[in-house]
Amino acid sequence: MEFRDYYKVLGVERAASAEQIKAAYRRLARKYHPDVSKELNAEARFKEMQEAYEVLKDPEKRAAYDQLGTNWKAGEQFRPPPDWASGFEFSGGAGRAGGPRRGAGRGWSGAGGQDGAFAEQDFSDFFSSLFGGGSPFGRGGGGAARDHHARVGLELEEAYRGTTRTLELRRPDVKPGGSVELRTHTVRVTIPAGVTEGQLIRLAGQGAPAARGGRAGDLYLEVHLQPHRLFALEGRDVTLTFPVAPWEAALGASVTVPTLGGSVEMHIPAGAQSGQKLRLRGRGLPGQPPGDQYVQLKVVLPPANSPQAKALYEEMRDKLNFDPRENLSR
């Protein structure tokens, strides 16, 4: 997908105040509104500036967008950096979940330069990758308006055994002139064993400060599990692709298999096939019930890179009555 320079779309500097951004948006809205504009590509241009304003009018989205830096140029191929929103704290509460509000018809909620909203599907893939329903900004909602949310990235081994983390989170603070300043604060959290992808960990009273004697909001940490070099995760179950030699698959063997809790011995039955799955019960993530570990066999052939190896393959070819494509001719 292509990178979108939202500041360039609205024709403002990156240091522009909230009022300058709003004024630029309203000026462009009057110029490109599809119902009245005579400009070429008015509707496409209108959607583009609507998307830009959806991000830059929101201090949290704007602060997160600014973290991508100034190295990207409009039109360049773009992929969000891994866990680009980690370490960034944003508010929850009603009206924040699900990205943009749902508009009627063309998505414009009013004329005369008033703030409107498109449905999320009217925005670009670039917007959806950063702020859509699968992002932290599309989650949350339904909680108190003073609740905050953040992501915490964990290795799979940490999710298995539990851990304690000290996190530095950045919280956007809107200054009197409308500029946004990121303030860093530290939280310490105990993560229980067996947490799963997307699970929320609640830190009571660590969201937005109390106002006028009210209760402080809570901070919800959303667990994000990092890809693992060995294990694939589905729910609480893990799958390991396990290489075996042809003779181990044909004759059976006792092998040592890595698991999240340490290595265990496993028996491969004689006549096992490549792709076959064996189960180690209860060796996935802890829980009630715990997950299992599936060991998917992958038969790996030794290379015929010596005269002796070639001779063995030729002997098997000549002496074994084996046709791997027998079923294709039936």
Protein backbone atom coordinates (compact mmCIF):
# COMPACT_ATOMS: atom_id res chain seq x y z
CA MET A 1 0.00 0.00 0.00
CA GLU A 2 1.05 3.63 -0.42
CA PHE A 3 2.02 5.99 2.38
CA ARG A 4 -0.31 8.97 2.86
CA ASP A 5 1.05 12.32 4.03
CA TYR A 6 -1.97 13.70 5.86
CA TYR A 7 -0.31 17.06 6.51
CA LYS A 8 0.34 17.48 2.79
CA VAL A 9 -3.26 16.51 1.99
CA LEU A 10 -4.58 19.33 4.17
CA GLY A 11 -1.79 21.73 3.18
CA VAL A 12 -0.54 22.37 6.72
CA GLU A 13 2.81 22.10 8.48
CA ARG A 14 3.49 19.23 10.86
CA ALA A 15 3.63 21.76 13.71
CA ALA A 16 0.17 23.15 12.87
CA SER A 17 -2.18 23.78 15.77
CA ALA A 18 -5.56 22.09 16.10
CA GLU A 19 -7.28 25.31 14.99
CA GLN A 20 -5.09 25.59 11.89
CA ILE A 21 -5.88 22.00 10.95
CA LYS A 22 -9.60 22.57 11.45
CA ALA A 23 -9.53 25.75 9.37
CA ALA A 24 -7.65 24.02 6.53
CA TYR A 25 -10.12 21.15 6.57
CA ARG A 26 -13.16 23.42 6.40
CA ARG A 27 -11.65 25.45 3.58
CA LEU A 28 -11.02 22.28 1.56
CA ALA A 29 -14.42 20.85 2.46
CA ARG A 30 -16.14 23.85 0.90
CA LYS A 31 -13.96 23.55 -2.20
CA TYR A 32 -14.31 19.82 -2.82
CA HIS A 33 -17.72 18.91 -1.40
CA PRO A 34 -19.11 16.46 -4.03
CA ASP A 35 -22.54 18.08 -4.05
CA VAL A 36 -21.29 21.53 -5.08
CA SER A 37 -17.73 21.28 -6.40
CA LYS A 38 -16.87 21.71 -10.08
CA GLU A 39 -13.29 20.52 -9.52
CA LEU A 40 -12.00 17.42 -11.30
CA ASN A 41 -11.92 14.33 -9.05
CA ALA A 42 -13.74 16.31 -6.36
CA GLU A 43 -15.22 13.25 -4.64
CA ALA A 44 -11.88 11.41 -4.47
CA ARG A 45 -10.16 14.54 -3.21
CA PHE A 46 -12.92 15.08 -0.65
CA LYS A 47 -12.53 11.53 0.71
CA GLU A 48 -8.77 11.98 0.89
CA MET A 49 -8.96 15.15 2.96
CA GLN A 50 -11.75 13.64 5.09
CA GLU A 51 -9.43 10.76 5.96
CA ALA A 52 -6.57 13.13 6.75
CA TYR A 53 -8.77 15.16 9.06
CA GLU A 54 -10.05 12.03 10.82
CA VAL A 55 -6.47 11.41 11.94
CA LEU A 56 -5.12 14.91 12.52
CA LYS A 57 -8.12 16.22 14.47
CA ASP A 58 -7.68 13.44 17.06
CA PRO A 59 -4.69 14.17 19.36
CA GLU A 60 -4.07 10.46 19.96
CA LYS A 61 -4.26 9.36 16.34
CA ARG A 62 -2.14 12.35 15.34
CA ALA A 63 0.52 11.61 17.96
CA ALA A 64 0.64 7.95 16.89
CA TYR A 65 0.81 8.92 13.20
CA ASP A 66 3.65 11.33 13.96
CA GLN A 67 5.65 8.42 15.43
CA LEU A 68 6.10 7.09 11.91
CA GLY A 69 8.47 10.01 11.38
CA THR A 70 9.21 12.22 8.41
CA ASN A 71 11.19 9.69 6.36
CA TRP A 72 8.15 8.50 4.40
CA LYS A 73 6.94 10.37 1.33
CA ALA A 74 3.46 10.34 -0.14
CA GLY A 75 3.05 7.50 -2.64
CA GLU A 76 5.94 5.39 -1.33
CA GLN A 77 5.26 1.73 -0.63
CA PHE A 78 4.52 1.35 3.06
CA ARG A 79 4.11 -1.39 5.65
CA PRO A 80 3.44 -0.50 9.29
CA PRO A 81 6.50 -1.26 11.41
CA PRO A 82 5.97 -4.29 13.69
CA ASP A 83 4.09 -3.31 16.85
CA TRP A 84 4.22 0.33 15.76
CA ALA A 85 1.59 1.25 18.38
CA SER A 86 3.29 -0.54 21.29
CA GLY A 87 4.24 1.78 24.11
CA PHE A 88 1.51 4.23 23.12
CA GLU A 89 -1.40 4.79 25.48
CA PHE A 90 -4.77 5.92 24.21
CA SER A 91 -8.15 6.59 25.76
CA GLY A 92 -11.14 4.28 25.56
CA GLY A 93 -14.77 4.81 26.38
CA ALA A 94 -17.93 5.18 24.35
CA GLY A 95 -17.61 6.62 20.88
CA ARG A 96 -13.95 5.64 20.40
CA ALA A 97 -14.24 2.05 19.27
CA GLY A 98 -14.43 1.01 15.65
CA GLY A 99 -12.64 3.94 14.03
CA PRO A 100 -14.67 6.59 12.21
CA ARG A 101 -18.34 7.10 12.90
CA ARG A 102 -20.86 5.65 10.50
CA GLY A 103 -22.21 8.26 8.18
CA ALA A 104 -25.35 8.14 6.08
CA GLY A 105 -25.40 8.16 2.28
CA ARG A 106 -22.05 9.44 1.13
CA GLY A 107 -20.95 9.65 4.75
CA TRP A 108 -21.20 13.46 4.99
CA SER A 109 -22.98 14.56 8.14
CA GLY A 110 -23.54 18.15 7.14
CA ALA A 111 -22.75 20.91 4.68
CA GLY A 112 -21.16 24.30 5.11
CA GLY A 113 -17.80 22.97 6.27
CA GLN A 114 -19.08 21.18 9.35
CA ASP A 115 -17.21 18.16 10.59
CA GLY A 116 -18.46 15.04 8.84
CA ALA A 117 -17.53 11.38 8.91
CA PHE A 118 -17.22 8.56 6.44
CA ALA A 119 -17.69 4.94 7.32
CA GLU A 120 -14.37 3.15 7.77
CA GLN A 121 -14.74 1.22 4.52
CA ASP A 122 -14.57 4.55 2.64
CA PHE A 123 -11.03 5.09 3.91
CA SER A 124 -7.80 3.76 2.40
CA ASP A 125 -5.93 0.57 3.23
CA PHE A 126 -3.27 2.81 4.74
CA PHE A 127 -5.77 4.21 7.24
CA SER A 128 -7.20 0.77 8.04
CA SER A 129 -3.76 -0.71 8.69
CA LEU A 130 -3.03 1.97 11.30
CA PHE A 131 -6.40 2.95 12.76
CA GLY A 132 -8.95 0.35 11.61
CA GLY A 133 -10.82 -2.28 13.57
CA GLY A 134 -7.76 -4.52 13.96
CA SER A 135 -5.66 -1.75 15.52
CA PRO A 136 -5.58 -0.50 19.13
CA PHE A 137 -7.54 2.56 17.95
CA GLY A 138 -10.35 0.32 16.72
CA ARG A 139 -10.55 -1.61 19.97
CA GLY A 140 -11.84 -0.71 23.38
CA GLY A 141 -15.04 1.24 23.74
CA GLY A 142 -17.92 0.42 25.99
CA GLY A 143 -15.83 1.24 29.04
CA ALA A 144 -15.59 4.40 31.09
CA ALA A 145 -14.58 7.50 29.19
CA ARG A 146 -11.50 7.84 31.42
CA ASP A 147 -10.21 4.32 30.78
CA HIS A 148 -7.00 4.04 28.81
CA HIS A 149 -5.63 1.26 26.61
CA ALA A 150 -2.14 0.18 25.53
CA ARG A 151 -0.49 -2.84 23.97
CA VAL A 152 2.13 -5.06 25.57
CA GLY A 153 4.23 -7.33 23.38
CA LEU A 154 5.22 -10.70 24.84
CA GLU A 155 7.36 -13.62 23.76
CA LEU A 156 5.47 -16.90 23.71
CA GLU A 157 7.64 -18.25 26.55
CA GLU A 158 6.61 -15.25 28.70
CA ALA A 159 2.95 -15.98 28.03
CA TYR A 160 3.54 -19.61 29.01
CA ARG A 161 5.22 -19.01 32.36
CA GLY A 162 4.00 -15.50 33.23
CA THR A 163 6.27 -12.54 33.86
CA THR A 164 6.59 -9.10 35.42
CA ARG A 165 7.13 -6.12 33.14
CA THR A 166 7.99 -2.47 33.66
CA LEU A 167 6.52 -0.51 30.75
CA GLU A 168 7.22 3.01 29.59
CA LEU A 169 4.02 4.31 28.03
CA ARG A 170 3.56 7.54 26.11
CA ARG A 171 0.37 9.48 26.70
CA PRO A 172 -0.56 12.43 24.43
CA ASP A 173 -1.19 15.72 26.19
CA VAL A 174 -2.88 18.57 24.32
CA LYS A 175 -1.24 21.92 25.05
CA PRO A 176 -3.25 25.18 25.27
CA GLY A 177 -2.24 26.14 21.70
CA GLY A 178 -3.57 22.85 20.34
CA SER A 179 -0.21 21.15 19.83
CA VAL A 180 0.32 17.61 21.10
CA GLU A 181 3.09 16.60 23.49
CA LEU A 182 3.85 12.99 24.40
CA ARG A 183 4.45 12.45 28.09
CA THR A 184 6.11 9.26 29.31
CA HIS A 185 5.13 7.44 32.47
CA THR A 186 6.06 4.05 33.91
CA VAL A 187 3.79 1.20 34.98
CA ARG A 188 4.69 -2.17 36.48
CA VAL A 189 2.46 -5.11 35.66
CA THR A 190 2.38 -8.78 36.63
CA ILE A 191 1.32 -10.88 33.65
CA PRO A 192 -0.22 -14.23 34.63
CA ALA A 193 0.80 -17.50 33.02
CA GLY A 194 -1.38 -18.57 30.12
CA VAL A 195 -2.37 -15.18 28.68
CA THR A 196 -3.55 -15.38 25.08
CA GLU A 197 -3.49 -13.10 22.03
CA GLY A 198 -5.77 -10.08 22.53
CA GLN A 199 -6.39 -10.71 26.24
CA LEU A 200 -6.89 -7.56 28.34
CA ILE A 201 -5.06 -7.06 31.63
CA ARG A 202 -6.70 -4.44 33.85
CA LEU A 203 -4.69 -2.06 36.00
CA ALA A 204 -7.24 -0.39 38.26
CA GLY A 205 -6.93 3.37 38.70
CA GLN A 206 -4.04 3.81 36.26
CA GLY A 207 -5.99 5.40 33.40
CA ALA A 208 -6.93 9.07 33.20
CA PRO A 209 -6.71 10.93 36.54
CA ALA A 210 -9.89 11.53 38.50
CA ALA A 211 -11.79 14.73 37.70
CA ARG A 212 -13.74 16.70 40.30
CA GLY A 213 -13.44 14.02 42.93
CA GLY A 214 -14.50 11.19 40.63
CA ARG A 215 -12.85 7.81 40.25
CA ALA A 216 -9.70 7.55 38.18
CA GLY A 217 -9.97 5.50 35.03
CA ASP A 218 -8.40 2.08 34.51
CA LEU A 219 -5.57 1.11 32.20
CA TYR A 220 -6.17 -1.96 30.00
CA LEU A 221 -3.13 -3.67 28.50
CA GLU A 222 -3.89 -5.70 25.39
CA VAL A 223 -1.59 -8.71 25.03
CA HIS A 224 0.13 -9.10 21.66
CA LEU A 225 2.20 -12.28 21.24
CA GLN A 226 5.28 -12.05 19.05
CA PRO A 227 5.76 -14.62 16.27
CA HIS A 228 7.90 -17.55 17.41
CA ARG A 229 10.68 -19.18 15.43
CA LEU A 230 9.43 -22.70 16.26
CA PHE A 231 5.82 -22.63 17.40
CA ALA A 232 2.63 -21.48 15.68
CA LEU A 233 -0.14 -20.48 18.07
CA GLU A 234 -3.89 -20.98 17.74
CA GLY A 235 -5.82 -20.13 20.88
CA ARG A 236 -3.99 -22.05 23.61
CA ASP A 237 -2.71 -24.76 21.25
CA VAL A 238 0.75 -24.64 19.71
CA THR A 239 2.01 -26.46 16.62
CA LEU A 240 5.61 -27.43 15.95
CA THR A 241 6.85 -28.55 12.53
CA PHE A 242 9.22 -31.38 13.41
CA PRO A 243 11.77 -32.75 10.90
CA VAL A 244 12.31 -36.53 10.87
CA ALA A 245 14.58 -38.82 8.83
CA PRO A 246 12.96 -41.31 6.42
CA TRP A 247 14.00 -44.28 8.58
CA GLU A 248 12.51 -42.68 11.69
CA ALA A 249 9.17 -42.30 9.90
CA ALA A 250 9.31 -45.78 8.35
CA LEU A 251 10.58 -47.76 11.35
CA GLY A 252 9.39 -45.65 14.26
CA ALA A 253 11.64 -43.86 16.71
CA SER A 254 11.91 -42.22 20.09
CA VAL A 255 12.81 -38.54 19.65
CA THR A 256 13.35 -35.46 21.84
CA VAL A 257 10.81 -32.71 21.12
CA PRO A 258 11.03 -29.08 22.31
CA THR A 259 7.98 -27.69 24.12
CA LEU A 260 7.29 -24.38 25.88
CA GLY A 261 7.89 -26.16 29.20
CA GLY A 262 11.11 -27.91 28.15
CA SER A 263 12.09 -30.92 26.07
CA VAL A 264 10.10 -34.17 26.28
CA GLU A 265 10.46 -37.64 24.77
CA MET A 266 7.93 -38.63 22.11
CA HIS A 267 7.41 -41.85 20.17
CA ILE A 268 6.97 -41.71 16.40
CA PRO A 269 4.93 -44.74 15.27
CA ALA A 270 6.25 -46.93 12.47
CA GLY A 271 4.87 -45.97 9.07
CA ALA A 272 4.37 -42.32 9.96
CA GLN A 273 3.83 -39.96 7.03
CA SER A 274 5.03 -36.44 6.31
CA GLY A 275 2.34 -33.98 7.44
CA GLN A 276 0.96 -36.33 10.10
CA LYS A 277 0.21 -34.64 13.44
CA LEU A 278 0.94 -36.14 16.84
CA ARG A 279 -0.48 -34.60 20.02
CA LEU A 280 1.25 -33.85 23.30
CA ARG A 281 -1.68 -33.32 25.63
CA GLY A 282 -1.54 -30.27 27.92
CA ARG A 283 1.74 -28.95 26.48
CA GLY A 284 0.26 -25.73 25.07
CA LEU A 285 -0.49 -22.55 27.03
CA PRO A 286 -1.75 -23.05 30.61
CA GLY A 287 -5.45 -22.58 31.23
CA GLN A 288 -8.67 -24.30 32.20
CA PRO A 289 -8.28 -26.51 30.26
CA PRO A 290 -4.67 -26.10 29.09
CA GLY A 291 -3.84 -26.15 25.41
CA ASP A 292 -2.11 -29.00 23.59
CA GLN A 293 1.01 -29.13 21.48
CA TYR A 294 0.70 -30.64 18.01
CA VAL A 295 3.83 -32.03 16.41
CA GLN A 296 3.55 -32.02 12.64
CA LEU A 297 6.02 -34.42 11.06
CA LYS A 298 8.10 -33.36 8.08
CA VAL A 299 10.12 -36.12 6.44
CA VAL A 300 13.48 -34.70 5.36
CA LEU A 301 15.59 -36.61 2.81
CA PRO A 302 19.35 -36.80 3.22
CA PRO A 303 21.21 -35.37 0.22
CA ALA A 304 22.72 -37.70 -2.39
CA ASN A 305 26.00 -35.81 -2.25
CA SER A 306 28.45 -38.70 -2.07
CA PRO A 307 29.00 -41.96 -3.96
CA GLN A 308 27.86 -43.94 -0.93
CA ALA A 309 24.67 -41.92 -0.58
CA LYS A 310 23.90 -42.26 -4.28
CA ALA A 311 24.46 -46.01 -4.08
CA LEU A 312 21.97 -46.29 -1.20
CA TYR A 313 19.31 -44.39 -3.15
CA GLU A 314 19.92 -46.57 -6.21
CA GLU A 315 19.62 -49.70 -4.08
CA MET A 316 16.30 -48.52 -2.65
CA ARG A 317 15.09 -47.74 -6.16
CA ASP A 318 15.99 -51.20 -7.41
CA LYS A 319 14.92 -53.29 -4.43
CA LEU A 320 11.84 -51.51 -3.03
CA ASN A 321 8.58 -52.03 -4.84
CA PHE A 322 7.45 -48.43 -4.28
CA ASP A 323 5.51 -46.06 -6.51
CA PRO A 324 4.67 -42.77 -4.75
CA ARG A 325 2.23 -41.89 -7.56
CA GLU A 326 0.31 -45.15 -7.53
CA ASN A 327 -2.94 -43.48 -6.48
CA LEU A 328 -2.82 -41.04 -9.42
CA SER A 329 -3.37 -43.83 -11.95
CA ARG A 330 -6.41 -45.35 -10.24
